[in-house]
PDB file of N, CA and C in Angstrom:
ATOM      1  N   MET A   1      91.939 -86.761 -19.656  1.00  0.00           N
ATOM      2  CA  MET A   1      93.550 -85.955 -20.039  1.00  0.00           C
ATOM      3  C   MET A   1      94.630 -86.560 -19.071  1.00  0.00           C
ATOM      4  N   VAL A   2      95.295 -86.834 -18.958  1.00  0.00           N
ATOM      5  CA  VAL A   2      96.560 -87.533 -17.916  1.00  0.00           C
ATOM      6  C   VAL A   2      96.950 -85.971 -17.567  1.00  0.00           C
ATOM      7  N   ASP A   3      97.309 -86.101 -15.817  1.00  0.00           N
ATOM      8  CA  ASP A   3      97.853 -85.028 -15.579  1.00  0.00           C
ATOM      9  C   ASP A   3      99.221 -85.529 -15.105  1.00  0.00           C
ATOM     10  N   ALA A   4      99.793 -84.603 -14.700  1.00  0.00           N
ATOM     11  CA  ALA A   4     101.502 -84.557 -14.530  1.00  0.00           C
ATOM     12  C   ALA A   4     101.868 -85.614 -13.802  1.00  0.00           C
ATOM     13  N   VAL A   5     101.262 -86.083 -12.228  1.00  0.00           N
ATOM     14  CA  VAL A   5     101.456 -87.466 -11.725  1.00  0.00           C
ATOM     15  C   VAL A   5     101.293 -88.503 -12.256  1.00  0.00           C
ATOM     16  N   GLU A   6      99.917 -88.683 -13.276  1.00  0.00           N
ATOM     17  CA  GLU A   6      99.472 -89.886 -14.075  1.00  0.00           C
ATOM     18  C   GLU A   6     100.972 -89.913 -15.046  1.00  0.00           C
ATOM     19  N   LEU A   7     101.489 -89.062 -15.585  1.00  0.00           N
ATOM     20  CA  LEU A   7     102.541 -88.991 -16.468  1.00  0.00           C
ATOM     21  C   LEU A   7     103.578 -89.572 -15.801  1.00  0.00           C
ATOM     22  N   ALA A   8     103.969 -88.976 -14.822  1.00  0.00           N
ATOM     23  CA  ALA A   8     105.229 -89.631 -14.388  1.00  0.00           C
ATOM     24  C   ALA A   8     105.115 -91.013 -13.953  1.00  0.00           C
ATOM     25  N   ILE A   9     104.319 -91.411 -13.428  1.00  0.00           N
ATOM     26  CA  ILE A   9     103.607 -92.878 -13.033  1.00  0.00           C
ATOM     27  C   ILE A   9     104.098 -93.693 -14.204  1.00  0.00           C
ATOM     28  N   MET A  10     103.398 -92.888 -15.297  1.00  0.00           N
ATOM     29  CA  MET A  10     103.290 -94.158 -16.614  1.00  0.00           C
ATOM     30  C   MET A  10     104.878 -93.994 -17.135  1.00  0.00           C
ATOM     31  N   THR A  11     105.495 -93.200 -16.973  1.00  0.00           N
ATOM     32  CA  THR A  11     106.897 -93.261 -17.614  1.00  0.00           C
ATOM     33  C   THR A  11     107.594 -94.169 -16.710  1.00  0.00           C
ATOM     34  N   ASP A  12     107.458 -94.740 -15.317  1.00  0.00           N
ATOM     35  CA  ASP A  12     108.385 -95.837 -14.830  1.00  0.00           C
ATOM     36  C   ASP A  12     107.482 -97.090 -15.158  1.00  0.00           C
ATOM     37  N   VAL A  13     106.959 -97.195 -16.229  1.00  0.00           N
ATOM     38  CA  VAL A  13     106.074 -98.449 -16.507  1.00  0.00           C
ATOM     39  C   VAL A  13     106.581 -98.931 -17.865  1.00  0.00           C
ATOM     40  N   ASP A  14     107.358-100.195 -17.887  1.00  0.00           N
ATOM     41  CA  ASP A  14     107.248-100.699 -19.298  1.00  0.00           C
ATOM     42  C   ASP A  14     106.462-101.420 -19.733  1.00  0.00           C
ATOM     43  N   MET A  15     105.843-101.063 -21.007  1.00  0.00           N
ATOM     44  CA  MET A  15     104.435-102.026 -21.472  1.00  0.00           C
ATOM     45  C   MET A  15     105.617-102.523 -22.609  1.00  0.00           C
ATOM     46  N   HIS A  16     104.840-104.259 -22.826  1.00  0.00           N
ATOM     47  CA  HIS A  16     105.635-105.268 -23.064  1.00  0.00           C
ATOM     48  C   HIS A  16     104.596-105.772 -24.269  1.00  0.00           C
ATOM     49  N   GLU A  17     104.931-106.319 -25.317  1.00  0.00           N
ATOM     50  CA  GLU A  17     104.372-107.153 -26.226  1.00  0.00           C
ATOM     51  C   GLU A  17     103.548-108.283 -25.275  1.00  0.00           C
ATOM     52  N   GLY A  18     102.351-108.286 -25.559  1.00  0.00           N
ATOM     53  CA  GLY A  18     101.566-109.078 -25.089  1.00  0.00           C
ATOM     54  C   GLY A  18     100.836-109.103 -23.957  1.00  0.00           C
ATOM     55  N   GLY A  19     101.044-107.151 -23.721  1.00  0.00           N
ATOM     56  CA  GLY A  19     100.049-106.636 -22.548  1.00  0.00           C
ATOM     57  C   GLY A  19     100.432-106.592 -21.496  1.00  0.00           C
ATOM     58  N   CYS A  20     102.210-107.458 -20.778  1.00  0.00           N
ATOM     59  CA  CYS A  20     102.171-107.189 -19.679  1.00  0.00           C
ATOM     60  C   CYS A  20     103.249-106.215 -19.344  1.00  0.00           C
ATOM     61  N   TRP A  21     103.406-105.513 -18.460  1.00  0.00           N
ATOM     62  CA  TRP A  21     103.721-104.263 -17.715  1.00  0.00           C
ATOM     63  C   TRP A  21     104.919-104.409 -16.756  1.00  0.00           C
ATOM     64  N   THR A  22     105.990-103.804 -16.572  1.00  0.00           N
ATOM     65  CA  THR A  22     107.023-104.316 -15.548  1.00  0.00           C
ATOM     66  C   THR A  22     107.401-102.674 -15.005  1.00  0.00           C
ATOM     67  N   TRP A  23     107.423-102.757 -13.609  1.00  0.00           N
ATOM     68  CA  TRP A  23     107.709-101.363 -12.742  1.00  0.00           C
ATOM     69  C   TRP A  23     109.331-101.412 -12.845  1.00  0.00           C
ATOM     70  N   ASN A  24     109.836-100.128 -13.712  1.00  0.00           N
ATOM     71  CA  ASN A  24     111.466 -99.942 -13.715  1.00  0.00           C
ATOM     72  C   ASN A  24     112.045 -99.150 -12.473  1.00  0.00           C
ATOM     73  N   LYS A  25     111.350 -98.900 -11.429  1.00  0.00           N
ATOM     74  CA  LYS A  25     112.226 -98.767 -10.101  1.00  0.00           C
ATOM     75  C   LYS A  25     111.512 -98.755  -8.708  1.00  0.00           C
ATOM     76  N   PRO A  26     112.546 -99.191  -7.858  1.00  0.00           N
ATOM     77  CA  PRO A  26     112.066 -99.294  -6.566  1.00  0.00           C
ATOM     78  C   PRO A  26     110.571 -98.679  -5.926  1.00  0.00           C
ATOM     79  N   SER A  27     110.081 -99.328  -5.413  1.00  0.00           N
ATOM     80  CA  SER A  27     108.579 -98.647  -5.398  1.00  0.00           C
ATOM     81  C   SER A  27     108.062 -99.017  -3.245  1.00  0.00           C
ATOM     82  N   GLU A  28     107.883 -98.304  -2.526  1.00  0.00           N
ATOM     83  CA  GLU A  28     107.395 -99.095  -1.362  1.00  0.00           C
ATOM     84  C   GLU A  28     106.178 -99.403  -1.275  1.00  0.00           C
ATOM     85  N   CYS A  29     104.990 -98.962  -2.574  1.00  0.00           N
ATOM     86  CA  CYS A  29     103.603 -98.912  -2.642  1.00  0.00           C
ATOM     87  C   CYS A  29     103.408-100.137  -3.251  1.00  0.00           C
ATOM     88  N   ASN A  30     101.981-100.716  -3.196  1.00  0.00           N
ATOM     89  CA  ASN A  30     101.935-101.884  -4.340  1.00  0.00           C
ATOM     90  C   ASN A  30     101.256-101.411  -5.492  1.00  0.00           C
ATOM     91  N   VAL A  31     102.455-101.501  -6.313  1.00  0.00           N
ATOM     92  CA  VAL A  31     102.445-100.752  -7.782  1.00  0.00           C
ATOM     93  C   VAL A  31     101.041-101.566  -8.358  1.00  0.00           C
ATOM     94  N   ILE A  32     100.326-102.747  -8.494  1.00  0.00           N
ATOM     95  CA  ILE A  32      99.494-102.921  -9.216  1.00  0.00           C
ATOM     96  C   ILE A  32      98.154-102.055  -8.448  1.00  0.00           C
ATOM     97  N   GLN A  33      97.964-101.935  -7.182  1.00  0.00           N
ATOM     98  CA  GLN A  33      96.817-101.687  -6.804  1.00  0.00           C
ATOM     99  C   GLN A  33      96.748-100.055  -7.228  1.00  0.00           C
ATOM    100  N   MET A  34      98.066 -99.421  -6.793  1.00  0.00           N
ATOM    101  CA  MET A  34      98.271 -98.012  -7.670  1.00  0.00           C
ATOM    102  C   MET A  34      98.118 -97.661  -9.207  1.00  0.00           C
ATOM    103  N   LEU A  35      98.544 -98.614 -10.374  1.00  0.00           N
ATOM    104  CA  LEU A  35      98.134 -98.499 -11.246  1.00  0.00           C
ATOM    105  C   LEU A  35      96.707 -98.552 -11.927  1.00  0.00           C
ATOM    106  N   ALA A  36      96.380 -99.933 -10.929  1.00  0.00           N
ATOM    107  CA  ALA A  36      94.429 -99.838 -11.197  1.00  0.00           C
ATOM    108  C   ALA A  36      94.226 -98.626 -10.808  1.00  0.00           C
ATOM    109  N   ALA A  37      94.225 -98.543  -9.749  1.00  0.00           N
ATOM    110  CA  ALA A  37      93.219 -96.786  -9.227  1.00  0.00           C
ATOM    111  C   ALA A  37      93.740 -95.854 -10.500  1.00  0.00           C
ATOM    112  N   LEU A  38      94.798 -95.756 -11.091  1.00  0.00           N
ATOM    113  CA  LEU A  38      95.171 -94.891 -11.991  1.00  0.00           C
ATOM    114  C   LEU A  38      94.407 -94.929 -13.307  1.00  0.00           C
ATOM    115  N   ILE A  39      94.288 -96.646 -13.627  1.00  0.00           N
ATOM    116  CA  ILE A  39      93.441 -96.619 -15.150  1.00  0.00           C
ATOM    117  C   ILE A  39      91.835 -97.034 -14.976  1.00  0.00           C
ATOM    118  N   GLY A  40      91.546 -96.770 -13.666  1.00  0.00           N
ATOM    119  CA  GLY A  40      90.011 -97.235 -13.483  1.00  0.00           C
ATOM    120  C   GLY A  40      89.842 -98.569 -12.911  1.00  0.00           C
ATOM    121  N   ARG A  41      90.805 -99.291 -12.795  1.00  0.00           N
ATOM    122  CA  ARG A  41      90.423-100.996 -12.905  1.00  0.00           C
ATOM    123  C   ARG A  41      89.991-100.969 -11.029  1.00  0.00           C
ATOM    124  N   GLU A  42      89.125-101.474 -10.813  1.00  0.00           N
ATOM    125  CA  GLU A  42      88.504-101.920  -9.558  1.00  0.00           C
ATOM    126  C   GLU A  42      89.098-103.297  -8.873  1.00  0.00           C
ATOM    127  N   LEU A  43      90.000-103.096  -7.835  1.00  0.00           N
ATOM    128  CA  LEU A  43      90.436-104.498  -7.465  1.00  0.00           C
ATOM    129  C   LEU A  43      89.768-104.296  -5.765  1.00  0.00           C
ATOM    130  N   PRO A  44      90.070-105.930  -5.222  1.00  0.00           N
ATOM    131  CA  PRO A  44      89.115-106.253  -3.735  1.00  0.00           C
ATOM    132  C   PRO A  44      90.066-105.390  -3.029  1.00  0.00           C
ATOM    133  N   GLU A  45      89.572-104.656  -1.945  1.00  0.00           N
ATOM    134  CA  GLU A  45      90.380-104.021  -0.633  1.00  0.00           C
ATOM    135  C   GLU A  45      90.849-105.019   0.210  1.00  0.00           C
ATOM    136  N   GLY A  46      91.707-104.560   0.813  1.00  0.00           N
ATOM    137  CA  GLY A  46      92.269-105.462   1.619  1.00  0.00           C
ATOM    138  C   GLY A  46      93.321-106.524   1.395  1.00  0.00           C
ATOM    139  N   ARG A  47      93.219-107.473   2.023  1.00  0.00           N
ATOM    140  CA  ARG A  47      94.087-108.663   1.808  1.00  0.00           C
ATOM    141  C   ARG A  47      93.762-109.364   0.918  1.00  0.00           C
ATOM    142  N   LYS A  48      92.662-109.480   0.273  1.00  0.00           N
ATOM    143  CA  LYS A  48      92.067-110.496  -0.619  1.00  0.00           C
ATOM    144  C   LYS A  48      93.242-111.210  -1.564  1.00  0.00           C
ATOM    145  N   LYS A  49      93.202-112.165  -1.779  1.00  0.00           N
ATOM    146  CA  LYS A  49      94.042-112.767  -2.722  1.00  0.00           C
ATOM    147  C   LYS A  49      93.465-112.653  -3.996  1.00  0.00           C
ATOM    148  N   LEU A  50      94.669-112.147  -4.650  1.00  0.00           N
ATOM    149  CA  LEU A  50      94.758-111.889  -6.115  1.00  0.00           C
ATOM    150  C   LEU A  50      95.322-112.885  -6.951  1.00  0.00           C
ATOM    151  N   TYR A  51      94.840-113.213  -8.362  1.00  0.00           N
ATOM    152  CA  TYR A  51      95.602-114.611  -9.132  1.00  0.00           C
ATOM    153  C   TYR A  51      95.711-114.154 -10.185  1.00  0.00           C
ATOM    154  N   ARG A  52      96.799-114.650 -11.044  1.00  0.00           N
ATOM    155  CA  ARG A  52      97.384-114.113 -12.249  1.00  0.00           C
ATOM    156  C   ARG A  52      96.769-114.643 -13.231  1.00  0.00           C
ATOM    157  N   MET A  53      96.123-113.975 -14.253  1.00  0.00           N
ATOM    158  CA  MET A  53      95.412-114.449 -15.304  1.00  0.00           C
ATOM    159  C   MET A  53      96.063-115.316 -16.579  1.00  0.00           C
ATOM    160  N   PRO A  54      95.728-116.283 -16.972  1.00  0.00           N
ATOM    161  CA  PRO A  54      96.457-117.139 -17.905  1.00  0.00           C
ATOM    162  C   PRO A  54      96.920-116.463 -19.036  1.00  0.00           C
ATOM    163  N   GLU A  55      96.661-115.253 -19.600  1.00  0.00           N
ATOM    164  CA  GLU A  55      97.077-114.817 -20.183  1.00  0.00           C
ATOM    165  C   GLU A  55      98.454-113.804 -20.365  1.00  0.00           C
ATOM    166  N   CYS A  56      98.796-113.668 -18.593  1.00  0.00           N
ATOM    167  CA  CYS A  56      99.869-112.932 -18.562  1.00  0.00           C
ATOM    168  C   CYS A  56     101.147-113.890 -18.432  1.00  0.00           C
ATOM    169  N   THR A  57     102.238-113.469 -19.533  1.00  0.00           N
ATOM    170  CA  THR A  57     103.525-114.388 -19.940  1.00  0.00           C
ATOM    171  C   THR A  57     104.485-113.876 -19.033  1.00  0.00           C
ATOM    172  N   MET A  58     104.682-112.891 -17.895  1.00  0.00           N
ATOM    173  CA  MET A  58     105.393-112.382 -17.554  1.00  0.00           C
ATOM    174  C   MET A  58     105.484-113.001 -16.085  1.00  0.00           C
ATOM    175  N   ALA A  59     104.777-113.568 -15.296  1.00  0.00           N
ATOM    176  CA  ALA A  59     104.374-113.792 -14.078  1.00  0.00           C
ATOM    177  C   ALA A  59     104.271-112.679 -13.170  1.00  0.00           C
ATOM    178  N   LYS A  60     105.432-112.855 -12.134  1.00  0.00           N
ATOM    179  CA  LYS A  60     105.096-112.147 -11.132  1.00  0.00           C
ATOM    180  C   LYS A  60     105.595-110.747 -11.527  1.00  0.00           C
ATOM    181  N   VAL A  61     106.443-110.789 -12.203  1.00  0.00           N
ATOM    182  CA  VAL A  61     107.054-109.073 -12.602  1.00  0.00           C
ATOM    183  C   VAL A  61     106.199-108.288 -13.337  1.00  0.00           C
ATOM    184  N   CYS A  62     105.245-108.951 -13.664  1.00  0.00           N
ATOM    185  CA  CYS A  62     103.824-108.147 -14.600  1.00  0.00           C
ATOM    186  C   CYS A  62     103.240-107.645 -13.520  1.00  0.00           C
ATOM    187  N   VAL A  63     103.118-106.183 -13.639  1.00  0.00           N
ATOM    188  CA  VAL A  63     102.587-105.163 -12.499  1.00  0.00           C
ATOM    189  C   VAL A  63     100.985-104.768 -13.534  1.00  0.00           C
ATOM    190  N   ASN A  64     100.735-105.471 -14.488  1.00  0.00           N
ATOM    191  CA  ASN A  64      99.478-105.001 -15.139  1.00  0.00           C
ATOM    192  C   ASN A  64      98.364-105.340 -14.544  1.00  0.00           C
ATOM    193  N   PRO A  65      97.550-104.185 -13.930  1.00  0.00           N
ATOM    194  CA  PRO A  65      96.303-104.513 -13.182  1.00  0.00           C
ATOM    195  C   PRO A  65      95.389-105.137 -13.907  1.00  0.00           C
ATOM    196  N   GLN A  66      95.257-105.323 -15.069  1.00  0.00           N
ATOM    197  CA  GLN A  66      94.146-106.322 -16.127  1.00  0.00           C
ATOM    198  C   GLN A  66      94.858-107.814 -16.117  1.00  0.00           C
ATOM    199  N   HIS A  67      95.634-108.082 -15.317  1.00  0.00           N
ATOM    200  CA  HIS A  67      96.118-109.265 -15.532  1.00  0.00           C
ATOM    201  C   HIS A  67      96.316-110.112 -14.456  1.00  0.00           C
ATOM    202  N   VAL A  68      95.667-109.184 -13.445  1.00  0.00           N
ATOM    203  CA  VAL A  68      95.073-109.860 -12.128  1.00  0.00           C
ATOM    204  C   VAL A  68      93.844-109.656 -11.590  1.00  0.00           C
ATOM    205  N   GLY A  69      93.142-110.860 -10.884  1.00  0.00           N
ATOM    206  CA  GLY A  69      91.950-110.796 -10.432  1.00  0.00           C
ATOM    207  C   GLY A  69      91.252-111.717  -9.356  1.00  0.00           C
ATOM    208  N   THR A  70      90.192-111.925  -9.254  1.00  0.00           N
ATOM    209  CA  THR A  70      89.650-112.478  -8.081  1.00  0.00           C
ATOM    210  C   THR A  70      89.846-114.233  -8.386  1.00  0.00           C
ATOM    211  N   LEU A  71      89.583-114.714  -7.578  1.00  0.00           N
ATOM    212  CA  LEU A  71      89.384-116.288  -7.966  1.00  0.00           C
ATOM    213  C   LEU A  71      88.404-116.403  -8.665  1.00  0.00           C
ATOM    214  N   GLU A  72      87.039-115.938  -8.948  1.00  0.00           N
ATOM    215  CA  GLU A  72      86.247-115.859  -9.895  1.00  0.00           C
ATOM    216  C   GLU A  72      86.296-115.610 -11.320  1.00  0.00           C
ATOM    217  N   GLU A  73      87.172-114.623 -11.220  1.00  0.00           N
ATOM    218  CA  GLU A  73      87.627-113.963 -12.508  1.00  0.00           C
ATOM    219  C   GLU A  73      88.419-114.674 -13.222  1.00  0.00           C
ATOM    220  N   PHE A  74      89.799-115.399 -12.372  1.00  0.00           N
ATOM    221  CA  PHE A  74      90.502-116.499 -12.654  1.00  0.00           C
ATOM    222  C   PHE A  74      89.581-117.738 -13.542  1.00  0.00           C
ATOM    223  N   GLU A  75      88.938-117.985 -12.638  1.00  0.00           N
ATOM    224  CA  GLU A  75      88.517-119.182 -12.952  1.00  0.00           C
ATOM    225  C   GLU A  75      87.231-119.173 -14.559  1.00  0.00           C
ATOM    226  N   GLU A  76      86.930-118.068 -14.745  1.00  0.00           N
ATOM    227  CA  GLU A  76      86.341-117.224 -15.975  1.00  0.00           C
ATOM    228  C   GLU A  76      87.171-117.567 -16.848  1.00  0.00           C
ATOM    229  N   ALA A  77      88.421-116.929 -16.633  1.00  0.00           N
ATOM    230  CA  ALA A  77      89.424-116.628 -17.668  1.00  0.00           C
ATOM    231  C   ALA A  77      90.275-118.036 -18.245  1.00  0.00           C
ATOM    232  N   VAL A  78      90.453-118.935 -17.432  1.00  0.00           N
ATOM    233  CA  VAL A  78      90.731-120.331 -17.378  1.00  0.00           C
ATOM    234  C   VAL A  78      89.572-120.694 -18.675  1.00  0.00           C
ATOM    235  N   ARG A  79      88.259-120.794 -18.311  1.00  0.00           N
ATOM    236  CA  ARG A  79      87.588-121.422 -18.674  1.00  0.00           C
ATOM    237  C   ARG A  79      87.372-121.110 -20.276  1.00  0.00           C
ATOM    238  N   ARG A  80      87.708-119.840 -20.783  1.00  0.00           N
ATOM    239  CA  ARG A  80      87.093-118.854 -21.568  1.00  0.00           C
ATOM    240  C   ARG A  80      88.642-119.129 -22.193  1.00  0.00           C
ATOM    241  N   TRP A  81      90.024-119.357 -21.734  1.00  0.00           N
ATOM    242  CA  TRP A  81      91.300-120.090 -22.346  1.00  0.00           C
ATOM    243  C   TRP A  81      91.341-121.152 -22.935  1.00  0.00           C
ATOM    244  N   LYS A  82      90.618-122.070 -22.163  1.00  0.00           N
ATOM    245  CA  LYS A  82      90.526-123.794 -22.537  1.00  0.00           C
ATOM    246  C   LYS A  82      89.406-123.776 -24.009  1.00  0.00           C
ATOM    247  N   ALA A  83      88.770-123.052 -23.789  1.00  0.00           N
ATOM    248  CA  ALA A  83      87.489-122.848 -24.893  1.00  0.00           C
ATOM    249  C   ALA A  83      88.191-122.300 -26.254  1.00  0.00           C
ATOM    250  N   TRP A  84      89.318-121.049 -25.790  1.00  0.00           N
ATOM    251  CA  TRP A  84      89.622-121.023 -26.728  1.00  0.00           C
ATOM    252  C   TRP A  84      90.916-121.828 -27.954  1.00  0.00           C
TER     253      TRP A  84
END
């Protein structure tokens, strides 16, 4: 069940065709990390570099936590993308 905070956050996300999300207001926090926690997607802690997955069409404006990952996840996604 979605609580009031989750609902308020999700109303600030615009979902686009292709799975990309954009954040429609200024933010002082890491929006991708916040959304990842909200949807249960574990991302690396600290300053570990995240890579944009090849299926992401909006690049840096996309805040969908499922469109970023570690180097290993990125390399696997590229292999799947090329095989497709």
